[in-house]
Amino acid sequence: MAIVGRKFPDLTVNAMNEMGDTFQINVLEEARNNNKKVLLFWYPKDFTFVCPTELHAFQEALPEFEKRNTLIIGASCDTAEVHFAWLNTPKDDGGIEGITYPLIADSNRNLSTMLDILDADEEYNDDLEGYLLKGDNVSFRATYLIDEEGTVFHEGVNHMPVGRNVNEFLRMIDAYTHVQKNGEVCPANWEEGKDAMKADRLATAAYLSQN
């Protein structure tokens, strides 16, 4: 069920930082208490293939997100201990050494279940007279953009093999910030510095006539 336009779930979960410390984090409170936007991205598993490329891509773009008053938080269903082992594995060996943003360890799957982003379906087995899980029971590549009040303004889910484009999230943050500041709407392919428009028929007609 989509949660765009709604508050992000008010749930505190375990996380790991780059120092190897396990701590508690609440994404909704991170946005509200720090008066910042939050980009929360989920990936399927530590020590896999597409995942480290995404984590490093977000790390490389971290200064751009910071310019936009945006926190980055990664998340998977791995334990904090597995996160720590991966954080201590060099990049040229497939690891994520050098990642500085926090990583949620949703090993009990409370948050990912609430968000309905797990690759898991229950299937009844007649022989065993019980339900078995079908799927890997790990998260898809889900991404949430959350504003300073904790409201989700973007939600997207990729299948396992398809990595994300980090620049697109920067563009969406720019667009939403423009909406917040100027009360205008941003048309297709809008980028910082391009024309936006008022949300009415005449303004749309004028924009289309010029573009």
N, C-alpha and C. Protein backbone atom coordinates (compact mmCIF):
# COMPACT_ATOMS: atom_id res chain seq x y z
N MET A 1 0.84 -1.18 0.00
CA MET A 1 0.00 0.00 0.00
C MET A 1 0.88 1.25 0.00
N ALA A 2 0.66 2.14 -0.92
CA ALA A 2 1.47 3.35 -1.04
C ALA A 2 1.24 4.27 0.16
N ILE A 3 2.31 4.95 0.59
CA ILE A 3 2.19 5.88 1.71
C ILE A 3 2.54 7.31 1.28
N VAL A 4 2.59 7.57 -0.01
CA VAL A 4 2.85 8.93 -0.49
C VAL A 4 1.74 9.86 0.03
N GLY A 5 2.14 11.02 0.54
CA GLY A 5 1.19 11.97 1.10
C GLY A 5 0.83 11.71 2.54
N ARG A 6 1.37 10.63 3.10
CA ARG A 6 1.10 10.29 4.50
C ARG A 6 2.40 10.39 5.30
N LYS A 7 2.27 10.42 6.62
CA LYS A 7 3.44 10.43 7.48
C LYS A 7 4.16 9.08 7.41
N PHE A 8 5.48 9.12 7.44
CA PHE A 8 6.25 7.88 7.49
C PHE A 8 5.97 7.19 8.82
N PRO A 9 5.97 5.84 8.84
CA PRO A 9 5.65 5.13 10.10
C PRO A 9 6.53 5.57 11.27
N ASP A 10 5.90 5.78 12.40
CA ASP A 10 6.58 6.21 13.62
C ASP A 10 7.08 4.97 14.35
N LEU A 11 8.21 4.44 13.89
CA LEU A 11 8.73 3.19 14.42
C LEU A 11 10.24 3.32 14.64
N THR A 12 10.69 2.94 15.80
CA THR A 12 12.11 2.96 16.13
C THR A 12 12.74 1.60 15.85
N VAL A 13 13.87 1.60 15.14
CA VAL A 13 14.51 0.34 14.73
C VAL A 13 16.01 0.42 15.01
N ASN A 14 16.67 -0.73 14.93
CA ASN A 14 18.12 -0.79 15.10
C ASN A 14 18.83 -0.28 13.86
N ALA A 15 20.01 0.29 14.07
CA ALA A 15 20.84 0.75 12.97
C ALA A 15 22.30 0.64 13.37
N MET A 16 23.18 0.74 12.37
CA MET A 16 24.62 0.66 12.58
C MET A 16 25.26 1.89 11.96
N ASN A 17 26.24 2.49 12.65
CA ASN A 17 26.96 3.60 12.05
C ASN A 17 28.36 3.15 11.62
N GLU A 18 29.10 4.08 11.01
CA GLU A 18 30.40 3.70 10.43
C GLU A 18 31.44 3.36 11.50
N MET A 19 31.15 3.73 12.76
CA MET A 19 32.06 3.43 13.85
C MET A 19 31.83 2.03 14.43
N GLY A 20 30.80 1.36 13.94
CA GLY A 20 30.49 0.02 14.44
C GLY A 20 29.56 0.02 15.63
N ASP A 21 28.92 1.15 15.89
CA ASP A 21 28.01 1.26 17.03
C ASP A 21 26.58 0.95 16.60
N THR A 22 25.91 0.07 17.33
CA THR A 22 24.49 -0.17 17.11
C THR A 22 23.70 0.85 17.92
N PHE A 23 22.71 1.46 17.28
CA PHE A 23 21.90 2.47 17.96
C PHE A 23 20.48 2.40 17.45
N GLN A 24 19.60 3.15 18.07
CA GLN A 24 18.18 3.19 17.70
C GLN A 24 17.92 4.41 16.82
N ILE A 25 17.12 4.22 15.79
CA ILE A 25 16.80 5.33 14.89
C ILE A 25 15.33 5.29 14.54
N ASN A 26 14.74 6.46 14.43
CA ASN A 26 13.35 6.61 14.02
C ASN A 26 13.35 7.59 12.86
N VAL A 27 13.04 7.11 11.66
CA VAL A 27 13.15 7.93 10.45
C VAL A 27 12.25 9.16 10.53
N LEU A 28 11.03 8.99 11.02
CA LEU A 28 10.11 10.12 11.16
C LEU A 28 10.70 11.20 12.07
N GLU A 29 11.26 10.78 13.19
CA GLU A 29 11.85 11.73 14.12
C GLU A 29 13.11 12.39 13.56
N GLU A 30 13.87 11.64 12.76
CA GLU A 30 15.07 12.22 12.13
C GLU A 30 14.68 13.42 11.26
N ALA A 31 13.58 13.27 10.52
CA ALA A 31 13.12 14.37 9.68
C ALA A 31 12.61 15.53 10.53
N ARG A 32 11.72 15.25 11.45
CA ARG A 32 11.10 16.31 12.25
C ARG A 32 12.09 17.01 13.18
N ASN A 33 12.87 16.22 13.92
CA ASN A 33 13.75 16.80 14.94
C ASN A 33 14.91 17.60 14.34
N ASN A 34 15.35 17.19 13.16
CA ASN A 34 16.47 17.88 12.51
C ASN A 34 16.02 18.90 11.48
N ASN A 35 14.68 18.98 11.24
CA ASN A 35 14.13 19.88 10.23
C ASN A 35 14.83 19.67 8.89
N LYS A 36 14.95 18.40 8.51
CA LYS A 36 15.61 18.03 7.26
C LYS A 36 14.74 17.06 6.47
N LYS A 37 14.98 17.02 5.18
CA LYS A 37 14.41 15.96 4.37
C LYS A 37 15.24 14.69 4.61
N VAL A 38 14.62 13.55 4.33
CA VAL A 38 15.32 12.27 4.48
C VAL A 38 15.13 11.46 3.20
N LEU A 39 16.22 10.88 2.70
CA LEU A 39 16.14 9.86 1.66
C LEU A 39 16.46 8.53 2.31
N LEU A 40 15.47 7.65 2.36
CA LEU A 40 15.65 6.30 2.91
C LEU A 40 15.64 5.32 1.74
N PHE A 41 16.73 4.59 1.57
CA PHE A 41 16.74 3.60 0.49
C PHE A 41 16.99 2.20 1.05
N TRP A 42 16.18 1.27 0.58
CA TRP A 42 16.29 -0.13 0.97
C TRP A 42 17.00 -0.90 -0.13
N TYR A 43 17.81 -1.86 0.27
CA TYR A 43 18.48 -2.76 -0.68
C TYR A 43 18.31 -4.19 -0.16
N PRO A 44 18.40 -5.20 -1.03
CA PRO A 44 18.08 -6.56 -0.62
C PRO A 44 19.01 -7.19 0.41
N LYS A 45 20.32 -7.19 0.15
CA LYS A 45 21.23 -7.94 1.02
C LYS A 45 22.63 -7.32 1.04
N ASP A 46 23.30 -7.44 2.19
CA ASP A 46 24.72 -7.16 2.26
C ASP A 46 25.50 -8.24 1.49
N PHE A 47 26.72 -7.91 1.11
CA PHE A 47 27.62 -8.84 0.44
C PHE A 47 27.01 -9.40 -0.86
N THR A 48 26.33 -8.52 -1.60
CA THR A 48 25.79 -8.96 -2.89
C THR A 48 26.41 -8.11 -4.00
N PHE A 49 25.69 -7.84 -5.08
CA PHE A 49 26.32 -7.39 -6.31
C PHE A 49 25.94 -5.97 -6.72
N VAL A 50 24.67 -5.74 -6.99
CA VAL A 50 24.22 -4.39 -7.32
C VAL A 50 24.26 -3.50 -6.08
N CYS A 51 23.99 -4.07 -4.92
CA CYS A 51 23.85 -3.30 -3.68
C CYS A 51 25.06 -2.42 -3.36
N PRO A 52 26.31 -2.93 -3.39
CA PRO A 52 27.42 -2.05 -3.04
C PRO A 52 27.60 -0.90 -4.01
N THR A 53 27.23 -1.10 -5.28
CA THR A 53 27.35 0.01 -6.24
C THR A 53 26.40 1.14 -5.86
N GLU A 54 25.22 0.79 -5.36
CA GLU A 54 24.27 1.82 -4.95
C GLU A 54 24.73 2.53 -3.68
N LEU A 55 25.22 1.77 -2.69
CA LEU A 55 25.66 2.40 -1.45
C LEU A 55 26.80 3.37 -1.69
N HIS A 56 27.74 3.00 -2.55
CA HIS A 56 28.85 3.90 -2.87
C HIS A 56 28.37 5.10 -3.69
N ALA A 57 27.38 4.89 -4.56
CA ALA A 57 26.85 6.00 -5.36
C ALA A 57 26.19 7.04 -4.46
N PHE A 58 25.44 6.59 -3.46
CA PHE A 58 24.82 7.54 -2.52
C PHE A 58 25.90 8.24 -1.69
N GLN A 59 26.95 7.51 -1.31
CA GLN A 59 28.03 8.12 -0.54
C GLN A 59 28.73 9.22 -1.36
N GLU A 60 29.01 8.94 -2.63
CA GLU A 60 29.68 9.92 -3.49
C GLU A 60 28.84 11.18 -3.66
N ALA A 61 27.51 11.01 -3.66
CA ALA A 61 26.61 12.15 -3.84
C ALA A 61 26.22 12.81 -2.52
N LEU A 62 26.76 12.32 -1.41
CA LEU A 62 26.36 12.83 -0.09
C LEU A 62 26.50 14.34 0.04
N PRO A 63 27.60 14.95 -0.46
CA PRO A 63 27.69 16.42 -0.37
C PRO A 63 26.54 17.14 -1.07
N GLU A 64 26.06 16.59 -2.19
CA GLU A 64 24.94 17.20 -2.91
C GLU A 64 23.65 17.10 -2.10
N PHE A 65 23.45 15.98 -1.44
CA PHE A 65 22.27 15.84 -0.59
C PHE A 65 22.36 16.77 0.62
N GLU A 66 23.55 16.91 1.18
CA GLU A 66 23.73 17.81 2.32
C GLU A 66 23.45 19.25 1.94
N LYS A 67 23.83 19.64 0.72
CA LYS A 67 23.50 20.99 0.24
C LYS A 67 22.00 21.22 0.20
N ARG A 68 21.26 20.14 0.02
CA ARG A 68 19.81 20.21 -0.09
C ARG A 68 19.13 19.90 1.25
N ASN A 69 19.89 19.97 2.34
CA ASN A 69 19.33 19.76 3.67
C ASN A 69 18.66 18.39 3.80
N THR A 70 19.33 17.37 3.23
CA THR A 70 18.75 16.03 3.16
C THR A 70 19.68 15.00 3.79
N LEU A 71 19.12 14.18 4.68
CA LEU A 71 19.84 13.07 5.29
C LEU A 71 19.69 11.82 4.45
N ILE A 72 20.74 11.01 4.38
CA ILE A 72 20.69 9.71 3.70
C ILE A 72 20.69 8.61 4.75
N ILE A 73 19.79 7.65 4.61
CA ILE A 73 19.75 6.48 5.48
C ILE A 73 19.57 5.25 4.59
N GLY A 74 20.45 4.27 4.74
CA GLY A 74 20.29 3.00 4.03
C GLY A 74 19.58 1.99 4.92
N ALA A 75 19.08 0.91 4.31
CA ALA A 75 18.36 -0.09 5.11
C ALA A 75 18.31 -1.42 4.39
N SER A 76 18.43 -2.48 5.18
CA SER A 76 18.16 -3.83 4.69
C SER A 76 17.71 -4.68 5.87
N CYS A 77 17.45 -5.95 5.62
CA CYS A 77 17.01 -6.85 6.68
C CYS A 77 18.17 -7.61 7.31
N ASP A 78 19.40 -7.25 6.95
CA ASP A 78 20.57 -7.86 7.58
C ASP A 78 20.70 -7.39 9.03
N THR A 79 21.44 -8.14 9.83
CA THR A 79 21.68 -7.74 11.21
C THR A 79 22.75 -6.64 11.26
N ALA A 80 22.82 -5.97 12.39
CA ALA A 80 23.84 -4.94 12.59
C ALA A 80 25.24 -5.54 12.48
N GLU A 81 25.40 -6.77 12.95
CA GLU A 81 26.72 -7.41 12.89
C GLU A 81 27.16 -7.65 11.46
N VAL A 82 26.23 -8.03 10.59
CA VAL A 82 26.57 -8.24 9.18
C VAL A 82 26.89 -6.90 8.52
N HIS A 83 26.11 -5.86 8.86
CA HIS A 83 26.43 -4.51 8.38
C HIS A 83 27.87 -4.14 8.75
N PHE A 84 28.24 -4.40 10.00
CA PHE A 84 29.57 -4.02 10.48
C PHE A 84 30.66 -4.77 9.70
N ALA A 85 30.43 -6.05 9.45
CA ALA A 85 31.41 -6.82 8.68
C ALA A 85 31.56 -6.26 7.27
N TRP A 86 30.44 -5.87 6.67
CA TRP A 86 30.49 -5.31 5.30
C TRP A 86 31.16 -3.94 5.29
N LEU A 87 30.91 -3.16 6.34
CA LEU A 87 31.54 -1.83 6.46
C LEU A 87 33.06 -1.95 6.62
N ASN A 88 33.52 -3.10 7.07
CA ASN A 88 34.95 -3.32 7.25
C ASN A 88 35.58 -4.07 6.08
N THR A 89 34.80 -4.26 5.02
CA THR A 89 35.31 -4.91 3.80
C THR A 89 35.65 -3.84 2.77
N PRO A 90 36.89 -3.82 2.24
CA PRO A 90 37.30 -2.77 1.30
C PRO A 90 36.42 -2.74 0.05
N LYS A 91 36.32 -1.55 -0.52
CA LYS A 91 35.52 -1.35 -1.73
C LYS A 91 36.00 -2.24 -2.86
N ASP A 92 37.34 -2.35 -3.02
CA ASP A 92 37.86 -3.14 -4.14
C ASP A 92 37.74 -4.64 -3.90
N ASP A 93 37.14 -5.02 -2.77
CA ASP A 93 36.84 -6.42 -2.49
C ASP A 93 35.33 -6.63 -2.37
N GLY A 94 34.56 -5.66 -2.93
CA GLY A 94 33.10 -5.77 -2.92
C GLY A 94 32.44 -5.24 -1.67
N GLY A 95 33.22 -4.58 -0.80
CA GLY A 95 32.66 -4.09 0.45
C GLY A 95 32.22 -2.65 0.39
N ILE A 96 31.80 -2.14 1.55
CA ILE A 96 31.29 -0.76 1.63
C ILE A 96 32.10 0.08 2.60
N GLU A 97 33.36 -0.24 2.76
CA GLU A 97 34.22 0.58 3.60
C GLU A 97 34.19 2.02 3.11
N GLY A 98 34.04 2.96 4.03
CA GLY A 98 33.96 4.37 3.66
C GLY A 98 32.56 4.94 3.67
N ILE A 99 31.54 4.08 3.83
CA ILE A 99 30.17 4.58 3.93
C ILE A 99 29.99 5.24 5.30
N THR A 100 29.46 6.46 5.31
CA THR A 100 29.36 7.21 6.57
C THR A 100 27.93 7.44 7.05
N TYR A 101 26.93 7.17 6.22
CA TYR A 101 25.55 7.36 6.67
C TYR A 101 25.07 6.09 7.38
N PRO A 102 24.05 6.20 8.23
CA PRO A 102 23.59 5.04 9.00
C PRO A 102 22.89 4.00 8.13
N LEU A 103 22.98 2.74 8.60
CA LEU A 103 22.32 1.62 7.92
C LEU A 103 21.36 0.97 8.90
N ILE A 104 20.08 1.00 8.57
CA ILE A 104 19.07 0.33 9.38
C ILE A 104 19.26 -1.19 9.27
N ALA A 105 19.15 -1.88 10.41
CA ALA A 105 19.24 -3.33 10.46
C ALA A 105 17.86 -3.87 10.86
N ASP A 106 17.00 -4.04 9.87
CA ASP A 106 15.60 -4.44 10.12
C ASP A 106 15.50 -5.97 10.14
N SER A 107 16.29 -6.60 11.01
CA SER A 107 16.37 -8.06 11.00
C SER A 107 15.07 -8.73 11.46
N ASN A 108 14.27 -8.03 12.26
CA ASN A 108 12.96 -8.59 12.63
C ASN A 108 11.88 -8.25 11.60
N ARG A 109 12.25 -7.45 10.61
CA ARG A 109 11.39 -7.11 9.48
C ARG A 109 10.12 -6.35 9.87
N ASN A 110 10.14 -5.69 11.00
CA ASN A 110 8.96 -4.93 11.42
C ASN A 110 8.69 -3.76 10.48
N LEU A 111 9.73 -2.98 10.17
CA LEU A 111 9.52 -1.80 9.34
C LEU A 111 9.27 -2.18 7.89
N SER A 112 10.03 -3.12 7.35
CA SER A 112 9.84 -3.52 5.95
C SER A 112 8.49 -4.19 5.74
N THR A 113 7.99 -4.90 6.75
CA THR A 113 6.64 -5.49 6.67
C THR A 113 5.59 -4.40 6.68
N MET A 114 5.77 -3.41 7.54
CA MET A 114 4.82 -2.30 7.62
C MET A 114 4.76 -1.55 6.29
N LEU A 115 5.92 -1.44 5.61
CA LEU A 115 5.98 -0.76 4.33
C LEU A 115 5.56 -1.64 3.16
N ASP A 116 5.42 -2.94 3.41
CA ASP A 116 5.00 -3.91 2.39
C ASP A 116 5.98 -3.95 1.22
N ILE A 117 7.28 -4.09 1.53
CA ILE A 117 8.30 -4.10 0.49
C ILE A 117 9.12 -5.39 0.48
N LEU A 118 8.63 -6.43 1.17
CA LEU A 118 9.36 -7.69 1.23
C LEU A 118 9.01 -8.61 0.07
N ASP A 119 10.03 -9.30 -0.43
CA ASP A 119 9.83 -10.32 -1.45
C ASP A 119 9.43 -11.61 -0.73
N ALA A 120 8.17 -11.68 -0.34
CA ALA A 120 7.70 -12.83 0.45
C ALA A 120 6.19 -12.96 0.32
N ASP A 121 5.74 -14.17 0.06
CA ASP A 121 4.31 -14.48 0.03
C ASP A 121 4.09 -15.78 0.78
N GLU A 122 3.02 -15.85 1.55
CA GLU A 122 2.68 -17.08 2.25
C GLU A 122 1.93 -18.02 1.32
N GLU A 123 2.31 -19.28 1.36
CA GLU A 123 1.66 -20.29 0.52
C GLU A 123 1.36 -21.51 1.38
N TYR A 124 0.11 -21.94 1.37
CA TYR A 124 -0.27 -23.08 2.22
C TYR A 124 0.23 -24.39 1.62
N ASN A 125 0.85 -25.22 2.48
CA ASN A 125 1.34 -26.53 2.07
C ASN A 125 0.46 -27.60 2.70
N ASP A 126 -0.27 -28.32 1.84
CA ASP A 126 -1.21 -29.34 2.33
C ASP A 126 -0.50 -30.46 3.07
N ASP A 127 0.66 -30.89 2.55
CA ASP A 127 1.37 -32.01 3.17
C ASP A 127 1.86 -31.65 4.57
N LEU A 128 2.34 -30.44 4.73
CA LEU A 128 2.87 -30.00 6.03
C LEU A 128 1.80 -29.38 6.92
N GLU A 129 0.64 -29.11 6.31
CA GLU A 129 -0.48 -28.49 7.02
C GLU A 129 -0.06 -27.18 7.68
N GLY A 130 0.59 -26.37 6.88
CA GLY A 130 1.02 -25.07 7.39
C GLY A 130 1.45 -24.17 6.25
N TYR A 131 1.73 -22.91 6.57
CA TYR A 131 2.12 -21.93 5.58
C TYR A 131 3.64 -21.86 5.46
N LEU A 132 4.09 -21.80 4.22
CA LEU A 132 5.50 -21.61 3.93
C LEU A 132 5.67 -20.28 3.20
N LEU A 133 6.82 -19.64 3.42
CA LEU A 133 7.12 -18.40 2.71
C LEU A 133 7.67 -18.70 1.33
N LYS A 134 7.14 -18.01 0.35
CA LYS A 134 7.64 -18.10 -1.01
C LYS A 134 8.35 -16.79 -1.33
N GLY A 135 9.62 -16.86 -1.67
CA GLY A 135 10.42 -15.66 -1.90
C GLY A 135 11.58 -15.62 -0.94
N ASP A 136 12.46 -14.64 -1.12
CA ASP A 136 13.68 -14.54 -0.29
C ASP A 136 13.45 -13.84 1.04
N ASN A 137 12.28 -13.24 1.22
CA ASN A 137 11.95 -12.52 2.45
C ASN A 137 12.96 -11.41 2.75
N VAL A 138 13.43 -10.76 1.69
CA VAL A 138 14.28 -9.57 1.83
C VAL A 138 13.60 -8.43 1.08
N SER A 139 14.06 -7.22 1.31
CA SER A 139 13.37 -6.06 0.73
C SER A 139 13.71 -5.87 -0.73
N PHE A 140 12.75 -5.37 -1.48
CA PHE A 140 13.03 -4.86 -2.81
C PHE A 140 13.81 -3.54 -2.68
N ARG A 141 14.23 -2.98 -3.81
CA ARG A 141 14.95 -1.70 -3.79
C ARG A 141 13.94 -0.55 -3.70
N ALA A 142 13.44 -0.35 -2.49
CA ALA A 142 12.44 0.69 -2.25
C ALA A 142 13.14 1.98 -1.82
N THR A 143 12.59 3.11 -2.26
CA THR A 143 13.15 4.41 -1.92
C THR A 143 12.03 5.34 -1.46
N TYR A 144 12.30 6.06 -0.38
CA TYR A 144 11.33 7.01 0.17
C TYR A 144 12.00 8.37 0.32
N LEU A 145 11.33 9.41 -0.16
CA LEU A 145 11.73 10.79 0.10
C LEU A 145 10.72 11.38 1.06
N ILE A 146 11.22 11.93 2.15
CA ILE A 146 10.38 12.37 3.27
C ILE A 146 10.72 13.83 3.57
N ASP A 147 9.68 14.66 3.75
CA ASP A 147 9.95 16.09 3.97
C ASP A 147 10.20 16.38 5.46
N GLU A 148 10.39 17.66 5.75
CA GLU A 148 10.77 18.08 7.09
C GLU A 148 9.70 17.83 8.13
N GLU A 149 8.47 17.60 7.71
CA GLU A 149 7.39 17.29 8.64
C GLU A 149 7.13 15.79 8.75
N GLY A 150 7.91 15.01 8.02
CA GLY A 150 7.75 13.56 8.08
C GLY A 150 6.79 12.99 7.05
N THR A 151 6.37 13.81 6.09
CA THR A 151 5.44 13.36 5.06
C THR A 151 6.21 12.80 3.87
N VAL A 152 5.79 11.65 3.38
CA VAL A 152 6.43 11.01 2.23
C VAL A 152 5.99 11.71 0.95
N PHE A 153 6.95 12.24 0.16
CA PHE A 153 6.58 12.88 -1.10
C PHE A 153 7.06 12.09 -2.32
N HIS A 154 7.75 11.01 -2.09
CA HIS A 154 8.07 10.08 -3.19
C HIS A 154 8.25 8.70 -2.62
N GLU A 155 7.72 7.70 -3.34
CA GLU A 155 7.93 6.30 -3.01
C GLU A 155 8.13 5.55 -4.31
N GLY A 156 9.19 4.75 -4.39
CA GLY A 156 9.44 3.96 -5.59
C GLY A 156 10.06 2.63 -5.23
N VAL A 157 9.77 1.60 -6.03
CA VAL A 157 10.29 0.25 -5.76
C VAL A 157 10.84 -0.35 -7.04
N ASN A 158 12.12 -0.72 -7.00
CA ASN A 158 12.75 -1.43 -8.11
C ASN A 158 12.84 -2.92 -7.78
N HIS A 159 12.83 -3.75 -8.83
CA HIS A 159 13.08 -5.17 -8.64
C HIS A 159 14.58 -5.36 -8.37
N MET A 160 14.94 -6.54 -7.88
CA MET A 160 16.30 -6.80 -7.40
C MET A 160 17.42 -6.45 -8.39
N PRO A 161 17.30 -6.78 -9.68
CA PRO A 161 18.46 -6.60 -10.57
C PRO A 161 18.68 -5.16 -11.03
N VAL A 162 17.75 -4.25 -10.74
CA VAL A 162 17.79 -2.91 -11.35
C VAL A 162 18.23 -1.86 -10.33
N GLY A 163 19.43 -1.30 -10.54
CA GLY A 163 19.95 -0.27 -9.65
C GLY A 163 19.30 1.08 -9.91
N ARG A 164 19.41 1.96 -8.93
CA ARG A 164 18.78 3.27 -8.99
C ARG A 164 19.69 4.33 -9.60
N ASN A 165 19.07 5.41 -10.06
CA ASN A 165 19.79 6.59 -10.55
C ASN A 165 19.77 7.64 -9.45
N VAL A 166 20.91 7.86 -8.81
CA VAL A 166 20.98 8.78 -7.68
C VAL A 166 20.61 10.20 -8.09
N ASN A 167 21.02 10.61 -9.29
CA ASN A 167 20.74 11.98 -9.75
C ASN A 167 19.25 12.27 -9.84
N GLU A 168 18.45 11.26 -10.11
CA GLU A 168 17.01 11.49 -10.20
C GLU A 168 16.44 11.89 -8.85
N PHE A 169 16.99 11.36 -7.77
CA PHE A 169 16.50 11.73 -6.44
C PHE A 169 16.91 13.16 -6.10
N LEU A 170 18.07 13.58 -6.54
CA LEU A 170 18.46 14.98 -6.36
C LEU A 170 17.50 15.90 -7.11
N ARG A 171 17.12 15.51 -8.33
CA ARG A 171 16.18 16.30 -9.12
C ARG A 171 14.83 16.39 -8.43
N MET A 172 14.36 15.27 -7.88
CA MET A 172 13.05 15.28 -7.22
C MET A 172 13.07 16.13 -5.95
N ILE A 173 14.18 16.09 -5.23
CA ILE A 173 14.30 16.94 -4.04
C ILE A 173 14.29 18.41 -4.45
N ASP A 174 15.01 18.75 -5.52
CA ASP A 174 15.00 20.13 -6.03
C ASP A 174 13.58 20.55 -6.40
N ALA A 175 12.87 19.66 -7.07
CA ALA A 175 11.51 19.99 -7.52
C ALA A 175 10.57 20.20 -6.33
N TYR A 176 10.64 19.30 -5.36
CA TYR A 176 9.75 19.43 -4.21
C TYR A 176 10.08 20.67 -3.39
N THR A 177 11.37 20.98 -3.28
CA THR A 177 11.78 22.20 -2.57
C THR A 177 11.26 23.44 -3.28
N HIS A 178 11.28 23.42 -4.62
CA HIS A 178 10.72 24.54 -5.39
C HIS A 178 9.23 24.70 -5.11
N VAL A 179 8.52 23.59 -5.07
CA VAL A 179 7.09 23.63 -4.76
C VAL A 179 6.87 24.22 -3.37
N GLN A 180 7.68 23.76 -2.40
CA GLN A 180 7.53 24.26 -1.03
C GLN A 180 7.76 25.77 -0.95
N LYS A 181 8.77 26.25 -1.65
CA LYS A 181 9.17 27.65 -1.53
C LYS A 181 8.32 28.59 -2.37
N ASN A 182 7.88 28.12 -3.54
CA ASN A 182 7.25 29.03 -4.50
C ASN A 182 5.78 28.77 -4.76
N GLY A 183 5.26 27.63 -4.29
CA GLY A 183 3.85 27.33 -4.51
C GLY A 183 3.50 27.02 -5.94
N GLU A 184 4.53 26.78 -6.77
CA GLU A 184 4.30 26.39 -8.16
C GLU A 184 4.42 24.87 -8.28
N VAL A 185 3.98 24.35 -9.43
CA VAL A 185 4.15 22.93 -9.72
C VAL A 185 5.24 22.76 -10.77
N CYS A 186 5.88 21.59 -10.76
CA CYS A 186 7.01 21.34 -11.65
C CYS A 186 6.61 20.37 -12.76
N PRO A 187 6.71 20.78 -14.01
CA PRO A 187 6.30 19.93 -15.12
C PRO A 187 7.30 18.81 -15.39
N ALA A 188 6.98 17.98 -16.37
CA ALA A 188 7.84 16.85 -16.74
C ALA A 188 9.25 17.33 -17.08
N ASN A 189 10.24 16.56 -16.63
CA ASN A 189 11.65 16.81 -16.92
C ASN A 189 12.17 18.11 -16.32
N TRP A 190 11.44 18.67 -15.34
CA TRP A 190 11.88 19.91 -14.71
C TRP A 190 13.20 19.69 -14.00
N GLU A 191 14.09 20.70 -14.13
CA GLU A 191 15.34 20.73 -13.39
C GLU A 191 15.54 22.12 -12.83
N GLU A 192 16.39 22.22 -11.82
CA GLU A 192 16.67 23.50 -11.19
C GLU A 192 17.07 24.54 -12.24
N GLY A 193 16.41 25.70 -12.20
CA GLY A 193 16.70 26.77 -13.16
C GLY A 193 15.71 26.82 -14.31
N LYS A 194 14.93 25.76 -14.52
CA LYS A 194 13.93 25.76 -15.58
C LYS A 194 12.62 26.35 -15.06
N ASP A 195 11.74 26.67 -16.01
CA ASP A 195 10.45 27.28 -15.65
C ASP A 195 9.53 26.26 -14.99
N ALA A 196 8.88 26.69 -13.92
CA ALA A 196 7.78 25.94 -13.34
C ALA A 196 6.49 26.67 -13.71
N MET A 197 5.37 26.33 -13.10
CA MET A 197 4.13 26.99 -13.50
C MET A 197 3.11 26.96 -12.37
N LYS A 198 2.14 27.83 -12.46
CA LYS A 198 1.02 27.81 -11.52
C LYS A 198 0.12 26.63 -11.84
N ALA A 199 -0.59 26.17 -10.84
CA ALA A 199 -1.45 25.01 -11.02
C ALA A 199 -2.84 25.44 -11.50
N ASP A 200 -2.89 25.97 -12.72
CA ASP A 200 -4.19 26.27 -13.31
C ASP A 200 -4.12 26.08 -14.82
N ARG A 201 -5.28 26.09 -15.47
CA ARG A 201 -5.37 25.75 -16.89
C ARG A 201 -4.62 26.75 -17.77
N LEU A 202 -4.74 28.04 -17.47
CA LEU A 202 -4.09 29.05 -18.30
C LEU A 202 -2.57 28.95 -18.23
N ALA A 203 -2.07 28.71 -17.02
CA ALA A 203 -0.62 28.58 -16.84
C ALA A 203 -0.10 27.33 -17.57
N THR A 204 -0.86 26.26 -17.54
CA THR A 204 -0.46 25.06 -18.27
C THR A 204 -0.43 25.30 -19.76
N ALA A 205 -1.45 25.99 -20.28
CA ALA A 205 -1.51 26.30 -21.70
C ALA A 205 -0.33 27.19 -22.11
N ALA A 206 -0.02 28.18 -21.27
CA ALA A 206 1.10 29.08 -21.56
C ALA A 206 2.42 28.32 -21.56
N TYR A 207 2.58 27.41 -20.60
CA TYR A 207 3.83 26.63 -20.54
C TYR A 207 3.97 25.75 -21.78
N LEU A 208 2.89 25.06 -22.13
CA LEU A 208 2.93 24.16 -23.28
C LEU A 208 3.20 24.89 -24.59
N SER A 209 2.70 26.12 -24.68
CA SER A 209 2.91 26.90 -25.90
C SER A 209 4.37 27.34 -26.08
N GLN A 210 5.11 27.34 -24.98
CA GLN A 210 6.51 27.77 -25.01
C GLN A 210 7.50 26.62 -24.92
N ASN A 211 7.00 25.41 -24.75
CA ASN A 211 7.90 24.27 -24.56
C ASN A 211 7.47 23.09 -25.44
